[in-house]
Protein backbone atom coordinates (compact mmCIF):
# COMPACT_ATOMS: atom_id res chain seq x y z
CA MET A 1 -11.74 -23.61 -3.51
CA ASP A 2 -15.16 -25.22 -1.42
CA HIS A 3 -13.73 -28.35 -1.28
CA PHE A 4 -10.49 -27.29 -0.03
CA LEU A 5 -11.30 -24.18 2.57
CA ALA A 6 -14.47 -24.66 5.60
CA ALA A 7 -16.62 -21.78 4.73
CA GLU A 8 -15.76 -20.00 7.82
CA THR A 9 -12.54 -19.47 6.85
CA ARG A 10 -12.84 -18.20 3.50
CA ALA A 11 -15.09 -16.32 5.39
CA ALA A 12 -12.40 -15.22 7.93
CA LEU A 13 -10.26 -14.66 5.16
CA ALA A 14 -11.97 -12.20 3.61
CA ALA A 15 -13.28 -10.06 6.33
CA GLU A 16 -9.99 -9.89 6.71
CA PHE A 17 -8.77 -9.13 3.54
CA GLU A 18 -11.52 -6.05 3.93
CA CYS A 19 -9.71 -4.66 6.94
CA LEU A 20 -6.32 -5.38 5.60
CA LYS A 21 -4.00 -1.81 5.63
CA GLN A 22 -0.50 -1.31 5.04
CA GLY A 23 0.31 -0.02 8.41
CA SER A 24 3.83 -0.17 9.02
CA LYS A 25 3.97 -2.43 6.41
CA SER A 26 6.32 -1.74 2.68
CA VAL A 27 4.37 -1.24 -0.09
CA TRP A 28 5.77 -4.69 -1.54
CA GLU A 29 3.72 -6.26 1.56
CA TYR A 30 0.63 -4.38 2.00
CA HIS A 31 0.59 -5.93 -2.09
CA MET A 32 2.05 -9.29 -1.24
CA GLU A 33 -0.84 -9.66 1.72
CA PHE A 34 -3.28 -7.63 -1.08
CA VAL A 35 -3.34 -10.69 -2.93
CA ARG A 36 -3.11 -13.55 -0.87
CA LEU A 37 -6.20 -12.05 0.88
CA SER A 38 -8.34 -11.09 -2.96
CA LYS A 39 -8.53 -14.56 -3.17
CA TYR A 40 -11.20 -14.76 -1.09
CA VAL A 41 -13.10 -11.83 -2.78
CA ILE A 42 -13.51 -12.21 -6.58
CA LEU A 43 -16.90 -10.39 -6.16
CA MET A 44 -15.69 -7.92 -4.24
CA LEU A 45 -12.93 -7.25 -7.24
CA THR A 46 -15.13 -7.75 -10.37
CA THR A 47 -12.90 -4.94 -12.34
CA MET A 48 -9.04 -3.41 -12.63
CA GLU A 49 -11.06 -0.05 -11.48
CA ALA A 50 -12.62 -1.94 -8.60
CA ARG A 51 -8.94 -3.49 -7.81
CA VAL A 52 -7.56 -0.36 -7.64
CA ARG A 53 -9.45 1.69 -5.62
CA ARG A 54 -9.37 -1.03 -2.90
CA PHE A 55 -5.63 -1.03 -3.33
CA MET A 56 -5.76 2.76 -2.58
CA GLN A 57 -8.22 2.41 0.59
CA GLY A 58 -5.28 0.56 2.24
CA LEU A 59 -1.88 2.36 1.75
CA SER A 60 -0.68 4.86 4.51
CA PRO A 61 -0.84 8.38 4.54
CA LEU A 62 2.80 7.99 3.84
CA VAL A 63 1.42 7.58 -0.13
CA ILE A 64 -2.07 7.82 -0.05
CA ASN A 65 -2.38 11.80 -1.52
CA GLU A 66 -0.24 10.54 -4.61
CA ALA A 67 -1.87 7.32 -5.46
CA ALA A 68 -5.33 8.75 -5.09
CA THR A 69 -3.75 11.49 -8.43
CA ALA A 70 -2.21 8.79 -10.28
CA ALA A 71 -5.49 7.00 -10.19
CA LEU A 72 -7.13 9.71 -12.28
CA ASN A 73 -5.21 8.44 -15.10
CA SER A 74 -6.93 6.45 -16.92
CA ASP A 75 -4.33 3.58 -17.91
CA MET A 76 -4.36 3.24 -14.27
CA ASN A 77 -4.03 -0.81 -13.67
CA TYR A 78 -3.00 -2.85 -10.58
CA GLY A 79 0.79 -3.12 -11.82
CA LYS A 80 1.06 0.17 -12.58
CA MET A 81 -0.35 1.52 -9.56
CA VAL A 82 1.56 -1.25 -7.23
CA SER A 83 4.35 -0.46 -8.90
CA PHE A 84 3.30 3.89 -8.09
CA ALA A 85 3.08 3.72 -4.65
CA GLN A 86 6.45 1.67 -4.61
CA ALA A 87 8.46 4.54 -6.08
CA THR A 88 6.85 7.09 -3.87
CA GLN A 89 6.86 5.69 -0.72
CA ASN A 90 10.91 4.77 -1.01
CA HIS A 91 11.06 8.59 -2.89
CA LYS A 92 9.32 10.02 0.26
CA LEU A 93 11.45 8.01 3.44
CA LYS A 94 14.41 9.17 0.88
CA ASN A 95 13.78 12.77 1.39
CA ARG A 96 12.36 12.18 5.16
CA MET A 97 16.43 10.86 5.94
CA GLU A 98 18.22 13.25 3.89
CA ARG A 99 16.20 15.99 6.36
CA GLU A 100 16.67 14.03 9.52
CA GLY A 101 20.60 13.41 8.68
CA ASN A 102 20.65 17.06 7.72
CA SER A 103 19.09 18.18 11.26
CA LYS A 104 21.22 16.31 13.06
CA ALA A 105 24.65 17.58 10.96
CA ARG A 106 22.87 21.54 11.40
CA SER A 107 22.61 20.16 15.09
CA ALA A 108 26.24 18.74 15.20
CA ASP A 109 27.51 21.96 14.60
CA ASN A 110 25.60 24.51 16.42
CA PHE A 111 26.92 22.49 19.37
CA GLY A 112 30.74 22.28 18.38
CA GLU A 113 30.50 26.05 18.15
């Protein structure tokens, strides 16, 4: 990699990794960025625990609490964390949509009365 990228480019990509957050991206999109940029900070992620911990730090508030609890599991690896975070996000978004749908249905019923 040293032969193909200038030191400034590698430093910029490493800085981008250090600032990486999920934000409005899905867990999968965040994971893909994480993997792409993690190549430039190999020394930061020397263990599976470090990789999981750094991934968790960038997760959105929607899933961070559950992910932190799951990370306490001794056999949690990076792949399992990505899957767990994705499932948690999907579950919470589904619940939110159901609540909003029920809320709209109730207000439409009240409006009709």
